[in-house]
C-alpha cells in the first residue's frame, strides 16, 4: 500500500479503532453478567477447583492448565 493511501485510510479508521477497547469492555461486562446469572452449582465448583489449581501452581505451564482445558458444550446453554 502506498504511504499516501495508508495515511488516508488511517485518518478514517483510527478514530474508530480508538473506540474498540470501550466497546469490548462493555460487551465483556455483559457476557460476564449473563454468565453469572446462568451459573450452576457445578459451574461454581469447577471454577473454584480451577482457581485453587492455579494458586497452587509452581510453574507457568501448571498455571495455564486450569484455563486451557476444554469446558462444557459449545455454545453454552
PDB file of N, CA and C in Angstrom:
ATOM      1  N   UNK A   1       0.845  -1.169   0.000  1.00  0.00           N
ATOM      2  CA  UNK A   1       0.000   0.000   0.000  1.00  0.00           C
ATOM      3  C   UNK A   1       0.897   1.241   0.000  1.00  0.00           C
ATOM      4  N   UNK A   2       0.562   2.185  -0.837  1.00  0.00           N
ATOM      5  CA  UNK A   2       1.332   3.418  -0.931  1.00  0.00           C
ATOM      6  C   UNK A   2       1.159   4.241   0.343  1.00  0.00           C
ATOM      7  N   UNK A   3       2.183   4.954   0.772  1.00  0.00           N
ATOM      8  CA  UNK A   3       2.106   5.748   2.009  1.00  0.00           C
ATOM      9  C   UNK A   3       0.918   6.710   2.034  1.00  0.00           C
ATOM     10  N   UNK A   4       0.624   7.341   0.918  1.00  0.00           N
ATOM     11  CA  UNK A   4      -0.496   8.291   0.884  1.00  0.00           C
ATOM     12  C   UNK A   4      -1.836   7.577   1.066  1.00  0.00           C
ATOM     13  N   UNK A   5      -1.966   6.423   0.452  1.00  0.00           N
ATOM     14  CA  UNK A   5      -3.190   5.633   0.609  1.00  0.00           C
ATOM     15  C   UNK A   5      -3.329   5.156   2.054  1.00  0.00           C
ATOM     16  N   UNK A   6      -2.215   4.722   2.623  1.00  0.00           N
ATOM     17  CA  UNK A   6      -2.239   4.278   4.025  1.00  0.00           C
ATOM     18  C   UNK A   6      -2.625   5.429   4.945  1.00  0.00           C
ATOM     19  N   UNK A   7      -2.089   6.602   4.705  1.00  0.00           N
ATOM     20  CA  UNK A   7      -2.418   7.760   5.539  1.00  0.00           C
ATOM     21  C   UNK A   7      -3.910   8.081   5.465  1.00  0.00           C
ATOM     22  N   UNK A   8      -4.467   8.095   4.249  1.00  0.00           N
ATOM     23  CA  UNK A   8      -5.900   8.399   4.094  1.00  0.00           C
ATOM     24  C   UNK A   8      -6.755   7.349   4.797  1.00  0.00           C
ATOM     25  N   UNK A   9      -6.362   6.093   4.657  1.00  0.00           N
ATOM     26  CA  UNK A   9      -7.113   5.014   5.307  1.00  0.00           C
ATOM     27  C   UNK A   9      -7.066   5.162   6.818  1.00  0.00           C
ATOM     28  N   UNK A  10      -5.890   5.421   7.358  1.00  0.00           N
ATOM     29  CA  UNK A  10      -5.751   5.552   8.807  1.00  0.00           C
ATOM     30  C   UNK A  10      -6.476   6.775   9.353  1.00  0.00           C
ATOM     31  N   UNK A  11      -6.537   7.849   8.573  1.00  0.00           N
ATOM     32  CA  UNK A  11      -7.273   9.031   9.025  1.00  0.00           C
ATOM     33  C   UNK A  11      -8.733   8.694   9.293  1.00  0.00           C
ATOM     34  N   UNK A  12      -9.280   7.798   8.499  1.00  0.00           N
ATOM     35  CA  UNK A  12     -10.676   7.395   8.660  1.00  0.00           C
ATOM     36  C   UNK A  12     -10.812   6.332   9.759  1.00  0.00           C
ATOM     37  N   UNK A  13      -9.909   5.369   9.767  1.00  0.00           N
ATOM     38  CA  UNK A  13     -10.049   4.210  10.651  1.00  0.00           C
ATOM     39  C   UNK A  13      -9.570   4.429  12.083  1.00  0.00           C
ATOM     40  N   UNK A  14      -8.554   5.242  12.301  1.00  0.00           N
ATOM     41  CA  UNK A  14      -8.007   5.405  13.654  1.00  0.00           C
ATOM     42  C   UNK A  14      -9.034   5.881  14.678  1.00  0.00           C
ATOM     43  N   UNK A  15      -9.873   6.857  14.365  1.00  0.00           N
ATOM     44  CA  UNK A  15     -10.880   7.240  15.366  1.00  0.00           C
ATOM     45  C   UNK A  15     -11.796   6.070  15.756  1.00  0.00           C
ATOM     46  N   UNK A  16     -12.141   5.249  14.790  1.00  0.00           N
ATOM     47  CA  UNK A  16     -12.978   4.076  15.093  1.00  0.00           C
ATOM     48  C   UNK A  16     -12.220   3.070  15.958  1.00  0.00           C
ATOM     49  N   UNK A  17     -10.952   2.864  15.642  1.00  0.00           N
ATOM     50  CA  UNK A  17     -10.145   1.902  16.396  1.00  0.00           C
ATOM     51  C   UNK A  17      -9.953   2.340  17.846  1.00  0.00           C
ATOM     52  N   UNK A  18      -9.910   3.634  18.088  1.00  0.00           N
ATOM     53  CA  UNK A  18      -9.748   4.128  19.456  1.00  0.00           C
ATOM     54  C   UNK A  18     -10.944   3.770  20.332  1.00  0.00           C
ATOM     55  N   UNK A  19     -12.113   3.604  19.721  1.00  0.00           N
ATOM     56  CA  UNK A  19     -13.326   3.273  20.481  1.00  0.00           C
ATOM     57  C   UNK A  19     -13.452   1.782  20.787  1.00  0.00           C
ATOM     58  N   UNK A  20     -12.715   0.935  20.079  1.00  0.00           N
ATOM     59  CA  UNK A  20     -12.859  -0.512  20.250  1.00  0.00           C
ATOM     60  C   UNK A  20     -12.657  -1.004  21.686  1.00  0.00           C
ATOM     61  N   UNK A  21     -11.632  -0.542  22.407  1.00  0.00           N
ATOM     62  CA  UNK A  21     -11.493  -1.036  23.788  1.00  0.00           C
ATOM     63  C   UNK A  21     -12.709  -0.710  24.657  1.00  0.00           C
ATOM     64  N   UNK A  22     -13.325   0.446  24.456  1.00  0.00           N
ATOM     65  CA  UNK A  22     -14.519   0.789  25.231  1.00  0.00           C
ATOM     66  C   UNK A  22     -15.662  -0.166  24.919  1.00  0.00           C
ATOM     67  N   UNK A  23     -15.862  -0.449  23.632  1.00  0.00           N
ATOM     68  CA  UNK A  23     -16.931  -1.377  23.246  1.00  0.00           C
ATOM     69  C   UNK A  23     -16.650  -2.773  23.790  1.00  0.00           C
ATOM     70  N   UNK A  24     -15.387  -3.184  23.701  1.00  0.00           N
ATOM     71  CA  UNK A  24     -15.021  -4.519  24.180  1.00  0.00           C
ATOM     72  C   UNK A  24     -15.294  -4.642  25.674  1.00  0.00           C
ATOM     73  N   UNK A  25     -14.949  -3.625  26.441  1.00  0.00           N
ATOM     74  CA  UNK A  25     -15.206  -3.662  27.887  1.00  0.00           C
ATOM     75  C   UNK A  25     -16.691  -3.789  28.176  1.00  0.00           C
ATOM     76  N   UNK A  26     -17.508  -3.067  27.440  1.00  0.00           N
ATOM     77  CA  UNK A  26     -18.959  -3.143  27.640  1.00  0.00           C
ATOM     78  C   UNK A  26     -19.486  -4.543  27.318  1.00  0.00           C
ATOM     79  N   UNK A  27     -19.033  -5.090  26.206  1.00  0.00           N
ATOM     80  CA  UNK A  27     -19.509  -6.417  25.793  1.00  0.00           C
ATOM     81  C   UNK A  27     -19.043  -7.491  26.775  1.00  0.00           C
ATOM     82  N   UNK A  28     -17.778  -7.433  27.177  1.00  0.00           N
ATOM     83  CA  UNK A  28     -17.258  -8.423  28.121  1.00  0.00           C
ATOM     84  C   UNK A  28     -18.026  -8.349  29.442  1.00  0.00           C
ATOM     85  N   UNK A  29     -18.343  -7.146  29.879  1.00  0.00           N
ATOM     86  CA  UNK A  29     -19.139  -6.990  31.096  1.00  0.00           C
ATOM     87  C   UNK A  29     -20.522  -7.611  30.961  1.00  0.00           C
ATOM     88  N   UNK A  30     -21.148  -7.425  29.814  1.00  0.00           N
ATOM     89  CA  UNK A  30     -22.470  -8.014  29.575  1.00  0.00           C
ATOM     90  C   UNK A  30     -22.388  -9.540  29.559  1.00  0.00           C
ATOM     91  N   UNK A  31     -21.344 -10.065  28.946  1.00  0.00           N
ATOM     92  CA  UNK A  31     -21.158 -11.519  28.895  1.00  0.00           C
ATOM     93  C   UNK A  31     -20.956 -12.073  30.305  1.00  0.00           C
ATOM     94  N   UNK A  32     -20.115 -11.415  31.094  1.00  0.00           N
ATOM     95  CA  UNK A  32     -19.851 -11.868  32.455  1.00  0.00           C
ATOM     96  C   UNK A  32     -21.124 -11.830  33.297  1.00  0.00           C
ATOM     97  N   UNK A  33     -21.910 -10.779  33.148  1.00  0.00           N
ATOM     98  CA  UNK A  33     -23.161 -10.654  33.901  1.00  0.00           C
ATOM     99  C   UNK A  33     -24.130 -11.784  33.526  1.00  0.00           C
ATOM    100  N   UNK A  34     -24.265 -12.060  32.226  1.00  0.00           N
ATOM    101  CA  UNK A  34     -25.150 -13.136  31.768  1.00  0.00           C
ATOM    102  C   UNK A  34     -24.662 -14.490  32.279  1.00  0.00           C
ATOM    103  N   UNK A  35     -23.350 -14.716  32.249  1.00  0.00           N
ATOM    104  CA  UNK A  35     -22.796 -15.988  32.732  1.00  0.00           C
ATOM    105  C   UNK A  35     -23.045 -16.141  34.230  1.00  0.00           C
ATOM    106  N   UNK A  36     -22.899 -15.061  34.977  1.00  0.00           N
ATOM    107  CA  UNK A  36     -23.124 -15.129  36.425  1.00  0.00           C
ATOM    108  C   UNK A  36     -24.579 -15.466  36.736  1.00  0.00           C
ATOM    109  N   UNK A  37     -25.492 -14.923  35.962  1.00  0.00           N
ATOM    110  CA  UNK A  37     -26.917 -15.202  36.182  1.00  0.00           C
ATOM    111  C   UNK A  37     -27.267 -16.649  35.846  1.00  0.00           C
ATOM    112  N   UNK A  38     -26.538 -17.238  34.900  1.00  0.00           N
ATOM    113  CA  UNK A  38     -26.867 -18.589  34.429  1.00  0.00           C
ATOM    114  C   UNK A  38     -26.025 -19.678  35.073  1.00  0.00           C
ATOM    115  N   UNK A  39     -25.169 -19.323  36.013  1.00  0.00           N
ATOM    116  CA  UNK A  39     -24.253 -20.302  36.594  1.00  0.00           C
ATOM    117  C   UNK A  39     -25.020 -21.371  37.375  1.00  0.00           C
ATOM    118  N   UNK A  40     -24.391 -22.511  37.458  1.00  0.00           N
ATOM    119  CA  UNK A  40     -24.946 -23.612  38.248  1.00  0.00           C
ATOM    120  C   UNK A  40     -23.970 -23.914  39.381  1.00  0.00           C
ATOM    121  N   UNK A  41     -24.406 -24.737  40.311  1.00  0.00           N
ATOM    122  CA  UNK A  41     -23.509 -25.153  41.399  1.00  0.00           C
ATOM    123  C   UNK A  41     -22.293 -25.884  40.825  1.00  0.00           C
ATOM    124  N   UNK A  42     -22.505 -26.654  39.774  1.00  0.00           N
ATOM    125  CA  UNK A  42     -21.396 -27.361  39.122  1.00  0.00           C
ATOM    126  C   UNK A  42     -20.398 -26.368  38.522  1.00  0.00           C
ATOM    127  N   UNK A  43     -20.913 -25.292  37.898  1.00  0.00           N
ATOM    128  CA  UNK A  43     -20.031 -24.256  37.338  1.00  0.00           C
ATOM    129  C   UNK A  43     -19.181 -23.625  38.432  1.00  0.00           C
ATOM    130  N   UNK A  44     -19.799 -23.299  39.561  1.00  0.00           N
ATOM    131  CA  UNK A  44     -19.082 -22.671  40.673  1.00  0.00           C
ATOM    132  C   UNK A  44     -18.004 -23.609  41.197  1.00  0.00           C
ATOM    133  N   UNK A  45     -18.347 -24.875  41.353  1.00  0.00           N
ATOM    134  CA  UNK A  45     -17.387 -25.860  41.840  1.00  0.00           C
ATOM    135  C   UNK A  45     -16.207 -25.987  40.887  1.00  0.00           C
ATOM    136  N   UNK A  46     -16.490 -26.029  39.593  1.00  0.00           N
ATOM    137  CA  UNK A  46     -15.428 -26.154  38.591  1.00  0.00           C
ATOM    138  C   UNK A  46     -14.515 -24.927  38.612  1.00  0.00           C
ATOM    139  N   UNK A  47     -15.102 -23.744  38.745  1.00  0.00           N
ATOM    140  CA  UNK A  47     -14.292 -22.517  38.804  1.00  0.00           C
ATOM    141  C   UNK A  47     -13.437 -22.474  40.063  1.00  0.00           C
ATOM    142  N   UNK A  48     -14.009 -22.883  41.182  1.00  0.00           N
ATOM    143  CA  UNK A  48     -13.238 -22.895  42.426  1.00  0.00           C
ATOM    144  C   UNK A  48     -12.079 -23.871  42.334  1.00  0.00           C
ATOM    145  N   UNK A  49     -12.322 -25.025  41.727  1.00  0.00           N
ATOM    146  CA  UNK A  49     -11.270 -26.021  41.553  1.00  0.00           C
ATOM    147  C   UNK A  49     -10.153 -25.478  40.651  1.00  0.00           C
ATOM    148  N   UNK A  50     -10.533 -24.835  39.550  1.00  0.00           N
ATOM    149  CA  UNK A  50      -9.538 -24.269  38.638  1.00  0.00           C
ATOM    150  C   UNK A  50      -8.735 -23.165  39.321  1.00  0.00           C
ATOM    151  N   UNK A  51      -9.410 -22.341  40.121  1.00  0.00           N
ATOM    152  CA  UNK A  51      -8.714 -21.269  40.828  1.00  0.00           C
ATOM    153  C   UNK A  51      -7.733 -21.832  41.849  1.00  0.00           C
ATOM    154  N   UNK A  52      -8.140 -22.862  42.558  1.00  0.00           N
ATOM    155  CA  UNK A  52      -7.238 -23.494  43.527  1.00  0.00           C
ATOM    156  C   UNK A  52      -6.029 -24.105  42.824  1.00  0.00           C
ATOM    157  N   UNK A  53      -6.275 -24.762  41.700  1.00  0.00           N
ATOM    158  CA  UNK A  53      -5.181 -25.348  40.924  1.00  0.00           C
ATOM    159  C   UNK A  53      -4.225 -24.254  40.435  1.00  0.00           C
ATOM    160  N   UNK A  54      -4.778 -23.126  40.014  1.00  0.00           N
ATOM    161  CA  UNK A  54      -3.962 -22.001  39.567  1.00  0.00           C
ATOM    162  C   UNK A  54      -3.103 -21.467  40.711  1.00  0.00           C
ATOM    163  N   UNK A  55      -3.706 -21.277  41.875  1.00  0.00           N
ATOM    164  CA  UNK A  55      -2.968 -20.736  43.024  1.00  0.00           C
ATOM    165  C   UNK A  55      -1.865 -21.688  43.502  1.00  0.00           C
ATOM    166  N   UNK A  56      -2.064 -22.977  43.335  1.00  0.00           N
ATOM    167  CA  UNK A  56      -1.087 -23.963  43.781  1.00  0.00           C
ATOM    168  C   UNK A  56       0.015 -24.216  42.758  1.00  0.00           C
ATOM    169  N   UNK A  57      -0.107 -23.634  41.570  1.00  0.00           N
ATOM    170  CA  UNK A  57       0.878 -23.867  40.514  1.00  0.00           C
ATOM    171  C   UNK A  57       2.233 -23.277  40.903  1.00  0.00           C
ATOM    172  N   UNK A  58       3.276 -24.006  40.569  1.00  0.00           N
ATOM    173  CA  UNK A  58       4.628 -23.519  40.849  1.00  0.00           C
ATOM    174  C   UNK A  58       5.357 -23.136  39.561  1.00  0.00           C
ATOM    175  N   UNK A  59       4.781 -23.509  38.421  1.00  0.00           N
ATOM    176  CA  UNK A  59       5.385 -23.177  37.130  1.00  0.00           C
ATOM    177  C   UNK A  59       4.302 -22.637  36.204  1.00  0.00           C
ATOM    178  N   UNK A  60       4.720 -21.847  35.217  1.00  0.00           N
ATOM    179  CA  UNK A  60       3.765 -21.224  34.300  1.00  0.00           C
ATOM    180  C   UNK A  60       2.905 -22.254  33.580  1.00  0.00           C
ATOM    181  N   UNK A  61       3.488 -23.376  33.145  1.00  0.00           N
ATOM    182  CA  UNK A  61       2.721 -24.408  32.441  1.00  0.00           C
ATOM    183  C   UNK A  61       1.616 -24.953  33.334  1.00  0.00           C
ATOM    184  N   UNK A  62       1.893 -25.106  34.614  1.00  0.00           N
ATOM    185  CA  UNK A  62       0.863 -25.568  35.546  1.00  0.00           C
ATOM    186  C   UNK A  62      -0.220 -24.508  35.720  1.00  0.00           C
ATOM    187  N   UNK A  63       0.173 -23.254  35.748  1.00  0.00           N
ATOM    188  CA  UNK A  63      -0.789 -22.163  35.940  1.00  0.00           C
ATOM    189  C   UNK A  63      -1.737 -22.056  34.754  1.00  0.00           C
ATOM    190  N   UNK A  64      -1.256 -22.392  33.567  1.00  0.00           N
ATOM    191  CA  UNK A  64      -2.107 -22.309  32.376  1.00  0.00           C
ATOM    192  C   UNK A  64      -3.089 -23.468  32.280  1.00  0.00           C
ATOM    193  N   UNK A  65      -2.771 -24.577  32.881  1.00  0.00           N
ATOM    194  CA  UNK A  65      -3.577 -25.780  32.736  1.00  0.00           C
ATOM    195  C   UNK A  65      -5.057 -25.586  33.085  1.00  0.00           C
ATOM    196  N   UNK A  66      -5.409 -24.937  34.206  1.00  0.00           N
ATOM    197  CA  UNK A  66      -6.835 -24.814  34.533  1.00  0.00           C
ATOM    198  C   UNK A  66      -7.643 -24.056  33.478  1.00  0.00           C
ATOM    199  N   UNK A  67      -7.055 -23.083  32.811  1.00  0.00           N
ATOM    200  CA  UNK A  67      -7.813 -22.325  31.821  1.00  0.00           C
ATOM    201  C   UNK A  67      -7.691 -22.906  30.423  1.00  0.00           C
ATOM    202  N   UNK A  68      -6.724 -23.775  30.204  1.00  0.00           N
ATOM    203  CA  UNK A  68      -6.507 -24.336  28.873  1.00  0.00           C
ATOM    204  C   UNK A  68      -7.328 -25.590  28.626  1.00  0.00           C
ATOM    205  N   UNK A  69      -7.788 -26.234  29.674  1.00  0.00           N
ATOM    206  CA  UNK A  69      -8.522 -27.482  29.446  1.00  0.00           C
ATOM    207  C   UNK A  69      -9.918 -27.194  28.892  1.00  0.00           C
ATOM    208  N   UNK A  70     -10.448 -28.115  28.098  1.00  0.00           N
ATOM    209  CA  UNK A  70     -11.752 -27.910  27.454  1.00  0.00           C
ATOM    210  C   UNK A  70     -12.860 -27.807  28.501  1.00  0.00           C
ATOM    211  N   UNK A  71     -13.833 -27.020  28.175  1.00  0.00           N
ATOM    212  CA  UNK A  71     -15.002 -26.833  29.045  1.00  0.00           C
ATOM    213  C   UNK A  71     -16.190 -27.592  28.464  1.00  0.00           C
ATOM    214  N   UNK A  72     -17.360 -27.271  28.947  1.00  0.00           N
ATOM    215  CA  UNK A  72     -18.591 -27.949  28.554  1.00  0.00           C
ATOM    216  C   UNK A  72     -18.978 -27.714  27.108  1.00  0.00           C
ATOM    217  N   UNK A  73     -20.233 -27.985  26.806  1.00  0.00           N
ATOM    218  CA  UNK A  73     -20.702 -27.913  25.414  1.00  0.00           C
ATOM    219  C   UNK A  73     -20.649 -26.489  24.865  1.00  0.00           C
ATOM    220  N   UNK A  74     -20.465 -26.401  23.561  1.00  0.00           N
ATOM    221  CA  UNK A  74     -20.482 -25.099  22.905  1.00  0.00           C
ATOM    222  C   UNK A  74     -21.518 -25.131  21.815  1.00  0.00           C
ATOM    223  N   UNK A  75     -22.367 -24.156  21.694  1.00  0.00           N
ATOM    224  CA  UNK A  75     -22.430 -22.967  22.537  1.00  0.00           C
ATOM    225  C   UNK A  75     -22.971 -23.298  23.923  1.00  0.00           C
ATOM    226  N   UNK A  76     -22.636 -22.440  24.899  1.00  0.00           N
ATOM    227  CA  UNK A  76     -23.101 -22.707  26.259  1.00  0.00           C
ATOM    228  C   UNK A  76     -24.619 -22.691  26.346  1.00  0.00           C
ATOM    229  N   UNK A  77     -25.119 -23.342  27.319  1.00  0.00           N
ATOM    230  CA  UNK A  77     -26.583 -23.425  27.481  1.00  0.00           C
ATOM    231  C   UNK A  77     -27.216 -22.100  27.777  1.00  0.00           C
TER     232      UNK A  77
END
